[in-house]
Amino acid sequence: MLSLYHDRAYVVDERAKNVTVELMLLRHAKSSWSQDGLPDHERPLNQRGRRAAKAIAKHMHAGGLRPDHVLCSTAVRTRQTVAALLKKWPDLRVEYKDSLYLAAPETVLVALSHCDPAKRVLCVGHNPSMEQLVSLLLDPGATHNDKAWADVSVKYPTGALTQLRLDIRNWTKLMPNSGTLVDYTKPRDLE
């Protein structure tokens, strides 16, 4: 049985009553180190980062990857990365959370557990938590996108976007080893 949500089909497993939801993890774009004494939390995107944020936003928009809910660290660089998405979708629901700034993966999982009823969530944060979350969430027994797997297992650069499919009923059921890697995009891939 198919259920439509934002013009995208999500498969409903009648036996388990699970709905396939999507999680996108976006590491903020490249930030500037040019201002001495500026606190890390306040560092803005540099020119390359602004271009990368626009490219990722364009990629997401063209691919119909509109999130239902966005969780974002309060750091300036993550907010500026999300600002590029807001130019494509001005009415996005964005929740800025101090707890996501340089958060441990477990902290991000707690924030994600409160995202119902969203079917597609975007989390914009920092490394190493974005990279660690991918490793934590991927089901080793699932069939993943081979090219994406080869790329994501090597490096998680600034501006990288990972798409995961999760066979869960709601976000409170999110747990390790529950995801399938759908795609992985780096800004360099979009040049």
N, C-alpha and C. Protein backbone atom coordinates (compact mmCIF):
# COMPACT_ATOMS: atom_id res chain seq x y z
N MET A 1 0.85 -1.18 0.00
CA MET A 1 0.00 0.00 0.00
C MET A 1 0.89 1.23 0.00
N LEU A 2 0.52 2.25 -0.80
CA LEU A 2 1.30 3.48 -0.86
C LEU A 2 0.55 4.60 -0.17
N SER A 3 1.31 5.44 0.51
CA SER A 3 0.76 6.63 1.15
C SER A 3 1.50 7.83 0.59
N LEU A 4 0.77 8.86 0.15
CA LEU A 4 1.43 10.03 -0.42
C LEU A 4 1.62 11.10 0.62
N TYR A 5 2.80 11.71 0.60
CA TYR A 5 3.13 12.78 1.52
C TYR A 5 4.03 13.75 0.76
N HIS A 6 3.62 14.98 0.60
CA HIS A 6 4.38 15.98 -0.15
C HIS A 6 4.75 15.47 -1.54
N ASP A 7 3.80 14.89 -2.24
CA ASP A 7 3.98 14.40 -3.60
C ASP A 7 5.04 13.32 -3.73
N ARG A 8 5.42 12.67 -2.64
CA ARG A 8 6.36 11.57 -2.69
C ARG A 8 5.67 10.34 -2.10
N ALA A 9 5.95 9.20 -2.65
CA ALA A 9 5.34 7.97 -2.16
C ALA A 9 6.18 7.37 -1.04
N TYR A 10 5.54 6.95 0.01
CA TYR A 10 6.19 6.25 1.11
C TYR A 10 5.50 4.91 1.26
N VAL A 11 6.27 3.86 1.34
CA VAL A 11 5.73 2.52 1.39
C VAL A 11 5.27 2.21 2.81
N VAL A 12 4.07 1.66 2.92
CA VAL A 12 3.55 1.24 4.21
C VAL A 12 3.61 -0.28 4.27
N ASP A 13 4.29 -0.82 5.23
CA ASP A 13 4.39 -2.26 5.44
C ASP A 13 3.17 -2.67 6.27
N GLU A 14 2.23 -3.33 5.65
CA GLU A 14 0.98 -3.68 6.33
C GLU A 14 1.20 -4.64 7.51
N ARG A 15 2.23 -5.50 7.43
CA ARG A 15 2.48 -6.43 8.53
C ARG A 15 3.02 -5.72 9.75
N ALA A 16 3.97 -4.84 9.56
CA ALA A 16 4.61 -4.18 10.71
C ALA A 16 4.00 -2.81 10.99
N LYS A 17 3.17 -2.34 10.07
CA LYS A 17 2.58 -1.00 10.19
C LYS A 17 3.67 0.07 10.31
N ASN A 18 4.81 -0.17 9.66
CA ASN A 18 5.89 0.81 9.64
C ASN A 18 5.78 1.67 8.39
N VAL A 19 6.08 2.93 8.53
CA VAL A 19 6.12 3.84 7.41
C VAL A 19 7.58 4.17 7.17
N THR A 20 7.98 4.12 5.92
CA THR A 20 9.34 4.48 5.60
C THR A 20 9.47 6.00 5.66
N VAL A 21 10.34 6.47 6.54
CA VAL A 21 10.61 7.90 6.65
C VAL A 21 12.03 8.15 6.16
N GLU A 22 12.34 9.41 5.93
CA GLU A 22 13.66 9.77 5.43
C GLU A 22 14.35 10.72 6.38
N LEU A 23 15.64 10.51 6.54
CA LEU A 23 16.48 11.40 7.32
C LEU A 23 17.60 11.87 6.40
N MET A 24 17.78 13.18 6.35
CA MET A 24 18.89 13.76 5.62
C MET A 24 19.82 14.42 6.63
N LEU A 25 21.09 14.11 6.54
CA LEU A 25 22.10 14.69 7.42
C LEU A 25 22.99 15.59 6.57
N LEU A 26 23.06 16.86 6.95
CA LEU A 26 23.84 17.84 6.20
C LEU A 26 24.88 18.47 7.11
N ARG A 27 26.13 18.29 6.75
CA ARG A 27 27.19 18.98 7.48
C ARG A 27 27.23 20.41 6.94
N HIS A 28 27.37 21.38 7.82
CA HIS A 28 27.42 22.78 7.39
C HIS A 28 28.47 22.96 6.29
N ALA A 29 28.29 23.99 5.48
CA ALA A 29 29.25 24.29 4.42
C ALA A 29 30.52 24.88 5.03
N LYS A 30 31.53 25.07 4.20
CA LYS A 30 32.86 25.51 4.63
C LYS A 30 32.80 26.85 5.35
N SER A 31 33.43 26.91 6.52
CA SER A 31 33.39 28.14 7.31
C SER A 31 34.74 28.86 7.27
N SER A 32 34.70 30.09 7.71
CA SER A 32 35.87 30.96 7.68
C SER A 32 36.64 30.90 9.01
N TRP A 33 37.95 30.95 8.89
CA TRP A 33 38.84 31.04 10.04
C TRP A 33 39.59 32.37 10.02
N SER A 34 39.12 33.32 9.23
CA SER A 34 39.89 34.55 8.98
C SER A 34 39.84 35.58 10.12
N GLN A 35 38.87 35.50 10.99
CA GLN A 35 38.75 36.50 12.07
C GLN A 35 39.34 35.95 13.37
N ASP A 36 40.52 36.45 13.71
CA ASP A 36 41.18 36.02 14.95
C ASP A 36 40.32 36.37 16.16
N GLY A 37 40.25 35.47 17.09
CA GLY A 37 39.54 35.72 18.34
C GLY A 37 38.03 35.53 18.26
N LEU A 38 37.51 35.22 17.07
CA LEU A 38 36.08 34.99 16.93
C LEU A 38 35.73 33.63 17.54
N PRO A 39 34.76 33.58 18.45
CA PRO A 39 34.38 32.27 19.02
C PRO A 39 33.93 31.30 17.93
N ASP A 40 34.23 30.03 18.11
CA ASP A 40 33.90 29.00 17.12
C ASP A 40 32.42 29.05 16.73
N HIS A 41 31.55 29.23 17.69
CA HIS A 41 30.11 29.27 17.44
C HIS A 41 29.73 30.39 16.47
N GLU A 42 30.51 31.44 16.41
CA GLU A 42 30.18 32.62 15.61
C GLU A 42 30.83 32.64 14.22
N ARG A 43 31.62 31.62 13.89
CA ARG A 43 32.30 31.63 12.59
C ARG A 43 31.30 31.52 11.45
N PRO A 44 31.37 32.44 10.46
CA PRO A 44 30.46 32.41 9.32
C PRO A 44 31.00 31.51 8.20
N LEU A 45 30.20 31.33 7.17
CA LEU A 45 30.66 30.62 5.98
C LEU A 45 31.65 31.51 5.24
N ASN A 46 32.62 30.88 4.59
CA ASN A 46 33.50 31.64 3.70
C ASN A 46 32.88 31.64 2.30
N GLN A 47 33.56 32.23 1.35
CA GLN A 47 33.00 32.34 -0.01
C GLN A 47 32.72 30.96 -0.61
N ARG A 48 33.65 30.05 -0.46
CA ARG A 48 33.45 28.69 -0.96
C ARG A 48 32.25 28.04 -0.29
N GLY A 49 32.09 28.26 1.02
CA GLY A 49 30.96 27.70 1.76
C GLY A 49 29.63 28.26 1.29
N ARG A 50 29.58 29.55 1.01
CA ARG A 50 28.33 30.14 0.51
C ARG A 50 27.95 29.54 -0.85
N ARG A 51 28.95 29.34 -1.72
CA ARG A 51 28.68 28.70 -3.02
C ARG A 51 28.19 27.26 -2.83
N ALA A 52 28.84 26.54 -1.91
CA ALA A 52 28.45 25.14 -1.65
C ALA A 52 27.04 25.05 -1.08
N ALA A 53 26.70 25.95 -0.15
CA ALA A 53 25.35 25.94 0.44
C ALA A 53 24.30 26.19 -0.64
N LYS A 54 24.57 27.11 -1.55
CA LYS A 54 23.64 27.38 -2.66
C LYS A 54 23.51 26.16 -3.57
N ALA A 55 24.64 25.50 -3.84
CA ALA A 55 24.63 24.32 -4.72
C ALA A 55 23.83 23.18 -4.10
N ILE A 56 24.03 22.94 -2.80
CA ILE A 56 23.28 21.87 -2.13
C ILE A 56 21.79 22.22 -2.10
N ALA A 57 21.46 23.47 -1.83
CA ALA A 57 20.05 23.90 -1.81
C ALA A 57 19.42 23.70 -3.19
N LYS A 58 20.15 24.06 -4.22
CA LYS A 58 19.65 23.89 -5.60
C LYS A 58 19.45 22.40 -5.90
N HIS A 59 20.41 21.58 -5.49
CA HIS A 59 20.33 20.13 -5.68
C HIS A 59 19.10 19.55 -4.97
N MET A 60 18.89 19.94 -3.74
CA MET A 60 17.75 19.44 -2.98
C MET A 60 16.44 19.89 -3.61
N HIS A 61 16.38 21.14 -4.02
CA HIS A 61 15.16 21.68 -4.62
C HIS A 61 14.85 20.96 -5.93
N ALA A 62 15.86 20.82 -6.78
CA ALA A 62 15.68 20.15 -8.07
C ALA A 62 15.27 18.68 -7.90
N GLY A 63 15.76 18.05 -6.84
CA GLY A 63 15.45 16.64 -6.59
C GLY A 63 14.18 16.41 -5.78
N GLY A 64 13.47 17.49 -5.46
CA GLY A 64 12.24 17.36 -4.69
C GLY A 64 12.48 16.89 -3.26
N LEU A 65 13.61 17.26 -2.70
CA LEU A 65 13.99 16.80 -1.36
C LEU A 65 13.61 17.81 -0.28
N ARG A 66 12.40 18.32 -0.36
CA ARG A 66 11.93 19.29 0.63
C ARG A 66 11.70 18.58 1.97
N PRO A 67 12.39 19.04 3.02
CA PRO A 67 12.15 18.42 4.33
C PRO A 67 10.86 18.94 4.95
N ASP A 68 10.21 18.09 5.73
CA ASP A 68 9.02 18.50 6.49
C ASP A 68 9.43 19.24 7.76
N HIS A 69 10.62 18.93 8.24
CA HIS A 69 11.10 19.51 9.49
C HIS A 69 12.62 19.61 9.38
N VAL A 70 13.17 20.74 9.83
CA VAL A 70 14.62 20.93 9.83
C VAL A 70 15.08 21.16 11.26
N LEU A 71 16.06 20.38 11.68
CA LEU A 71 16.75 20.60 12.96
C LEU A 71 18.10 21.20 12.63
N CYS A 72 18.45 22.29 13.30
CA CYS A 72 19.69 22.98 12.96
C CYS A 72 20.40 23.47 14.21
N SER A 73 21.70 23.25 14.25
CA SER A 73 22.54 23.83 15.30
C SER A 73 22.40 25.35 15.25
N THR A 74 22.64 26.00 16.37
CA THR A 74 22.54 27.46 16.42
C THR A 74 23.81 28.16 15.96
N ALA A 75 24.86 27.43 15.60
CA ALA A 75 26.10 28.06 15.13
C ALA A 75 25.81 28.88 13.88
N VAL A 76 26.54 29.96 13.71
CA VAL A 76 26.34 30.85 12.55
C VAL A 76 26.49 30.08 11.25
N ARG A 77 27.50 29.21 11.14
CA ARG A 77 27.75 28.50 9.88
C ARG A 77 26.62 27.53 9.52
N THR A 78 25.97 26.93 10.51
CA THR A 78 24.85 26.04 10.19
C THR A 78 23.62 26.87 9.81
N ARG A 79 23.41 27.97 10.50
CA ARG A 79 22.27 28.85 10.19
C ARG A 79 22.41 29.41 8.77
N GLN A 80 23.63 29.77 8.39
CA GLN A 80 23.84 30.30 7.03
C GLN A 80 23.67 29.20 5.98
N THR A 81 24.01 27.98 6.32
CA THR A 81 23.78 26.86 5.40
C THR A 81 22.28 26.67 5.18
N VAL A 82 21.50 26.73 6.26
CA VAL A 82 20.05 26.60 6.15
C VAL A 82 19.44 27.80 5.41
N ALA A 83 20.04 28.97 5.54
CA ALA A 83 19.52 30.17 4.86
C ALA A 83 19.46 29.96 3.35
N ALA A 84 20.39 29.20 2.79
CA ALA A 84 20.35 28.91 1.36
C ALA A 84 19.11 28.08 1.01
N LEU A 85 18.73 27.16 1.89
CA LEU A 85 17.51 26.37 1.67
C LEU A 85 16.26 27.23 1.79
N LEU A 86 16.30 28.18 2.72
CA LEU A 86 15.14 29.05 2.92
C LEU A 86 14.88 29.96 1.72
N LYS A 87 15.89 30.19 0.91
CA LYS A 87 15.68 30.95 -0.33
C LYS A 87 14.89 30.13 -1.34
N LYS A 88 15.03 28.82 -1.28
CA LYS A 88 14.27 27.92 -2.16
C LYS A 88 12.88 27.63 -1.59
N TRP A 89 12.82 27.45 -0.28
CA TRP A 89 11.57 27.12 0.41
C TRP A 89 11.42 28.05 1.62
N PRO A 90 10.90 29.27 1.44
CA PRO A 90 10.83 30.24 2.53
C PRO A 90 9.98 29.80 3.72
N ASP A 91 9.07 28.86 3.51
CA ASP A 91 8.17 28.45 4.59
C ASP A 91 8.61 27.17 5.30
N LEU A 92 9.88 26.77 5.14
CA LEU A 92 10.36 25.57 5.83
C LEU A 92 10.21 25.72 7.34
N ARG A 93 9.87 24.61 7.98
CA ARG A 93 9.80 24.58 9.45
C ARG A 93 11.20 24.27 9.97
N VAL A 94 11.86 25.28 10.54
CA VAL A 94 13.23 25.12 11.04
C VAL A 94 13.24 25.31 12.55
N GLU A 95 13.85 24.36 13.22
CA GLU A 95 14.00 24.41 14.67
C GLU A 95 15.49 24.51 14.99
N TYR A 96 15.90 25.66 15.52
CA TYR A 96 17.30 25.88 15.88
C TYR A 96 17.49 25.42 17.33
N LYS A 97 18.48 24.55 17.53
CA LYS A 97 18.69 23.96 18.85
C LYS A 97 20.15 24.12 19.29
N ASP A 98 20.32 24.77 20.44
CA ASP A 98 21.66 24.91 21.03
C ASP A 98 22.29 23.55 21.27
N SER A 99 21.50 22.57 21.62
CA SER A 99 22.03 21.24 21.95
C SER A 99 22.70 20.54 20.76
N LEU A 100 22.44 21.01 19.54
CA LEU A 100 23.04 20.38 18.36
C LEU A 100 24.42 20.93 18.02
N TYR A 101 24.82 22.02 18.69
CA TYR A 101 26.14 22.59 18.43
C TYR A 101 27.21 21.63 18.94
N LEU A 102 28.00 21.09 18.00
CA LEU A 102 29.07 20.13 18.31
C LEU A 102 28.56 18.96 19.16
N ALA A 103 27.35 18.51 18.87
CA ALA A 103 26.68 17.49 19.67
C ALA A 103 27.23 16.09 19.44
N ALA A 104 27.12 15.28 20.48
CA ALA A 104 27.39 13.85 20.35
C ALA A 104 26.24 13.23 19.55
N PRO A 105 26.50 12.14 18.83
CA PRO A 105 25.43 11.51 18.05
C PRO A 105 24.19 11.17 18.88
N GLU A 106 24.39 10.75 20.12
CA GLU A 106 23.26 10.40 20.98
C GLU A 106 22.36 11.62 21.25
N THR A 107 22.95 12.79 21.35
CA THR A 107 22.19 14.02 21.55
C THR A 107 21.34 14.33 20.32
N VAL A 108 21.91 14.10 19.15
CA VAL A 108 21.16 14.32 17.91
C VAL A 108 20.00 13.33 17.82
N LEU A 109 20.23 12.09 18.21
CA LEU A 109 19.15 11.09 18.19
C LEU A 109 18.00 11.51 19.10
N VAL A 110 18.31 12.08 20.24
CA VAL A 110 17.26 12.56 21.15
C VAL A 110 16.46 13.67 20.47
N ALA A 111 17.14 14.61 19.82
CA ALA A 111 16.43 15.69 19.12
C ALA A 111 15.56 15.13 18.00
N LEU A 112 16.06 14.16 17.27
CA LEU A 112 15.29 13.56 16.18
C LEU A 112 14.05 12.82 16.70
N SER A 113 14.12 12.30 17.91
CA SER A 113 13.00 11.53 18.45
C SER A 113 11.75 12.38 18.68
N HIS A 114 11.87 13.70 18.55
CA HIS A 114 10.74 14.61 18.75
C HIS A 114 10.23 15.21 17.44
N CYS A 115 10.51 14.56 16.32
CA CYS A 115 10.18 15.15 15.01
C CYS A 115 8.86 14.68 14.40
N ASP A 116 8.09 13.89 15.11
CA ASP A 116 6.79 13.47 14.56
C ASP A 116 5.89 14.68 14.40
N PRO A 117 5.07 14.75 13.40
CA PRO A 117 4.71 13.71 12.43
C PRO A 117 5.49 13.80 11.12
N ALA A 118 6.62 14.47 11.08
CA ALA A 118 7.39 14.65 9.85
C ALA A 118 7.77 13.31 9.23
N LYS A 119 7.74 13.26 7.92
CA LYS A 119 8.15 12.04 7.19
C LYS A 119 9.53 12.20 6.59
N ARG A 120 9.98 13.44 6.40
CA ARG A 120 11.33 13.70 5.91
C ARG A 120 11.94 14.80 6.78
N VAL A 121 13.02 14.46 7.47
CA VAL A 121 13.68 15.40 8.38
C VAL A 121 15.09 15.66 7.87
N LEU A 122 15.48 16.91 7.95
CA LEU A 122 16.85 17.33 7.65
C LEU A 122 17.49 17.79 8.94
N CYS A 123 18.66 17.27 9.25
CA CYS A 123 19.43 17.70 10.41
C CYS A 123 20.71 18.36 9.89
N VAL A 124 20.92 19.61 10.28
CA VAL A 124 22.10 20.36 9.84
C VAL A 124 23.00 20.55 11.05
N GLY A 125 24.19 19.99 10.96
CA GLY A 125 25.08 20.03 12.11
C GLY A 125 26.54 20.01 11.73
N HIS A 126 27.32 19.41 12.59
CA HIS A 126 28.78 19.47 12.55
C HIS A 126 29.38 18.08 12.49
N ASN A 127 30.63 18.04 12.14
CA ASN A 127 31.39 16.81 12.29
C ASN A 127 32.15 16.89 13.60
N PRO A 128 32.38 15.78 14.25
CA PRO A 128 32.23 14.42 13.73
C PRO A 128 30.83 13.83 13.88
N SER A 129 29.86 14.57 14.45
CA SER A 129 28.56 13.94 14.74
C SER A 129 27.81 13.51 13.48
N MET A 130 27.88 14.27 12.38
CA MET A 130 27.16 13.86 11.17
C MET A 130 27.73 12.53 10.64
N GLU A 131 29.04 12.47 10.57
CA GLU A 131 29.70 11.25 10.09
C GLU A 131 29.43 10.07 11.03
N GLN A 132 29.49 10.31 12.32
CA GLN A 132 29.25 9.25 13.29
C GLN A 132 27.80 8.77 13.25
N LEU A 133 26.86 9.70 13.00
CA LEU A 133 25.45 9.31 12.90
C LEU A 133 25.21 8.38 11.73
N VAL A 134 25.84 8.67 10.60
CA VAL A 134 25.69 7.79 9.44
C VAL A 134 26.14 6.38 9.81
N SER A 135 27.32 6.27 10.40
CA SER A 135 27.84 4.95 10.80
C SER A 135 26.93 4.27 11.81
N LEU A 136 26.42 5.04 12.75
CA LEU A 136 25.56 4.50 13.80
C LEU A 136 24.21 4.00 13.26
N LEU A 137 23.65 4.74 12.29
CA LEU A 137 22.30 4.43 11.82
C LEU A 137 22.23 3.38 10.73
N LEU A 138 23.31 3.18 9.98
CA LEU A 138 23.24 2.25 8.86
C LEU A 138 23.12 0.81 9.32
N ASP A 139 22.19 0.11 8.69
CA ASP A 139 21.98 -1.31 8.95
C ASP A 139 23.02 -2.08 8.15
N PRO A 140 23.94 -2.80 8.81
CA PRO A 140 24.97 -3.51 8.07
C PRO A 140 24.42 -4.61 7.17
N GLY A 141 23.21 -5.06 7.41
CA GLY A 141 22.62 -6.10 6.59
C GLY A 141 21.77 -5.60 5.44
N ALA A 142 21.59 -4.29 5.34
CA ALA A 142 20.75 -3.72 4.29
C ALA A 142 21.52 -3.57 2.99
N THR A 143 20.79 -3.44 1.90
CA THR A 143 21.38 -3.19 0.60
C THR A 143 21.44 -1.69 0.39
N HIS A 144 22.65 -1.14 0.41
CA HIS A 144 22.85 0.29 0.31
C HIS A 144 23.23 0.68 -1.12
N ASN A 145 23.09 1.96 -1.42
CA ASN A 145 23.57 2.52 -2.68
C ASN A 145 25.10 2.35 -2.68
N ASP A 146 25.62 1.50 -3.57
CA ASP A 146 27.04 1.15 -3.55
C ASP A 146 27.96 2.34 -3.75
N LYS A 147 27.65 3.22 -4.70
CA LYS A 147 28.49 4.39 -4.94
C LYS A 147 28.48 5.31 -3.72
N ALA A 148 27.30 5.55 -3.17
CA ALA A 148 27.20 6.40 -1.99
C ALA A 148 27.97 5.78 -0.83
N TRP A 149 27.88 4.48 -0.67
CA TRP A 149 28.59 3.80 0.42
C TRP A 149 30.09 3.96 0.27
N ALA A 150 30.60 3.80 -0.95
CA ALA A 150 32.03 3.95 -1.20
C ALA A 150 32.49 5.37 -0.86
N ASP A 151 31.69 6.38 -1.18
CA ASP A 151 32.06 7.78 -0.91
C ASP A 151 31.96 8.14 0.57
N VAL A 152 30.83 7.81 1.20
CA VAL A 152 30.60 8.23 2.59
C VAL A 152 31.54 7.54 3.55
N SER A 153 32.00 6.36 3.21
CA SER A 153 32.90 5.64 4.11
C SER A 153 34.32 6.17 4.06
N VAL A 154 34.61 7.04 3.10
CA VAL A 154 35.96 7.60 2.98
C VAL A 154 36.08 8.93 3.70
N LYS A 155 35.13 9.85 3.46
CA LYS A 155 35.24 11.19 4.02
C LYS A 155 33.87 11.85 4.07
N TYR A 156 33.68 12.73 5.06
CA TYR A 156 32.43 13.49 5.19
C TYR A 156 32.78 14.98 5.19
N PRO A 157 33.01 15.56 4.01
CA PRO A 157 33.46 16.95 3.94
C PRO A 157 32.35 17.95 4.27
N THR A 158 32.74 19.20 4.45
CA THR A 158 31.76 20.25 4.68
C THR A 158 30.79 20.30 3.50
N GLY A 159 29.53 20.55 3.81
CA GLY A 159 28.49 20.64 2.79
C GLY A 159 27.96 19.31 2.30
N ALA A 160 28.45 18.19 2.83
CA ALA A 160 28.01 16.87 2.38
C ALA A 160 26.60 16.57 2.90
N LEU A 161 25.81 15.93 2.05
CA LEU A 161 24.42 15.58 2.35
C LEU A 161 24.24 14.08 2.21
N THR A 162 23.75 13.45 3.27
CA THR A 162 23.45 12.01 3.25
C THR A 162 21.95 11.82 3.35
N GLN A 163 21.41 10.92 2.53
CA GLN A 163 19.99 10.57 2.59
C GLN A 163 19.86 9.13 3.07
N LEU A 164 19.08 8.95 4.13
CA LEU A 164 18.84 7.63 4.70
C LEU A 164 17.35 7.33 4.68
N ARG A 165 17.01 6.09 4.42
CA ARG A 165 15.63 5.61 4.53
C ARG A 165 15.55 4.78 5.81
N LEU A 166 14.54 5.05 6.60
CA LEU A 166 14.37 4.38 7.89
C LEU A 166 13.00 3.72 7.94
N ASP A 167 12.97 2.45 8.21
CA ASP A 167 11.70 1.73 8.29
C ASP A 167 11.18 1.76 9.71
N ILE A 168 10.63 2.92 10.08
CA ILE A 168 10.11 3.12 11.43
C ILE A 168 8.73 3.78 11.34
N ARG A 169 7.95 3.56 12.33
CA ARG A 169 6.59 4.10 12.41
C ARG A 169 6.62 5.58 12.82
N ASN A 170 7.48 5.90 13.76
CA ASN A 170 7.62 7.29 14.19
C ASN A 170 9.05 7.49 14.70
N TRP A 171 9.42 8.76 14.88
CA TRP A 171 10.80 9.10 15.21
C TRP A 171 11.23 8.61 16.59
N THR A 172 10.29 8.31 17.46
CA THR A 172 10.68 7.76 18.77
C THR A 172 11.25 6.35 18.64
N LYS A 173 11.01 5.71 17.49
CA LYS A 173 11.51 4.35 17.24
C LYS A 173 12.89 4.33 16.58
N LEU A 174 13.47 5.52 16.35
CA LEU A 174 14.78 5.60 15.72
C LEU A 174 15.83 4.95 16.61
N MET A 175 16.63 4.05 16.02
CA MET A 175 17.66 3.37 16.78
C MET A 175 18.83 3.02 15.87
N PRO A 176 19.97 2.68 16.43
CA PRO A 176 21.12 2.28 15.61
C PRO A 176 20.77 1.12 14.69
N ASN A 177 21.48 1.08 13.58
CA ASN A 177 21.35 0.00 12.58
C ASN A 177 19.96 -0.11 11.97
N SER A 178 19.26 1.02 11.85
CA SER A 178 17.90 0.97 11.31
C SER A 178 17.76 1.64 9.95
N GLY A 179 18.86 2.11 9.36
CA GLY A 179 18.76 2.87 8.13
C GLY A 179 19.41 2.23 6.93
N THR A 180 18.93 2.66 5.76
CA THR A 180 19.50 2.26 4.48
C THR A 180 20.01 3.52 3.79
N LEU A 181 21.22 3.47 3.29
CA LEU A 181 21.83 4.60 2.60
C LEU A 181 21.24 4.72 1.20
N VAL A 182 20.58 5.85 0.95
CA VAL A 182 19.95 6.09 -0.34
C VAL A 182 20.88 6.88 -1.26
N ASP A 183 21.50 7.94 -0.73
CA ASP A 183 22.37 8.77 -1.56
C ASP A 183 23.31 9.58 -0.68
N TYR A 184 24.36 10.04 -1.28
CA TYR A 184 25.37 10.86 -0.62
C TYR A 184 25.89 11.84 -1.65
N THR A 185 25.81 13.13 -1.33
CA THR A 185 26.20 14.17 -2.27
C THR A 185 27.16 15.13 -1.60
N LYS A 186 28.28 15.41 -2.29
CA LYS A 186 29.24 16.39 -1.84
C LYS A 186 29.13 17.62 -2.75
N PRO A 187 29.36 18.82 -2.23
CA PRO A 187 29.31 20.01 -3.09
C PRO A 187 30.18 19.89 -4.32
N ARG A 188 31.34 19.24 -4.17
CA ARG A 188 32.24 19.06 -5.31
C ARG A 188 31.57 18.28 -6.44
N ASP A 189 30.66 17.35 -6.09
CA ASP A 189 29.94 16.57 -7.10
C ASP A 189 29.02 17.46 -7.94
N LEU A 190 28.67 18.63 -7.42
CA LEU A 190 27.68 19.48 -8.08
C LEU A 190 28.32 20.59 -8.92
N GLU A 191 29.65 20.66 -8.91
CA GLU A 191 30.34 21.71 -9.68
C GLU A 191 30.29 21.44 -11.16
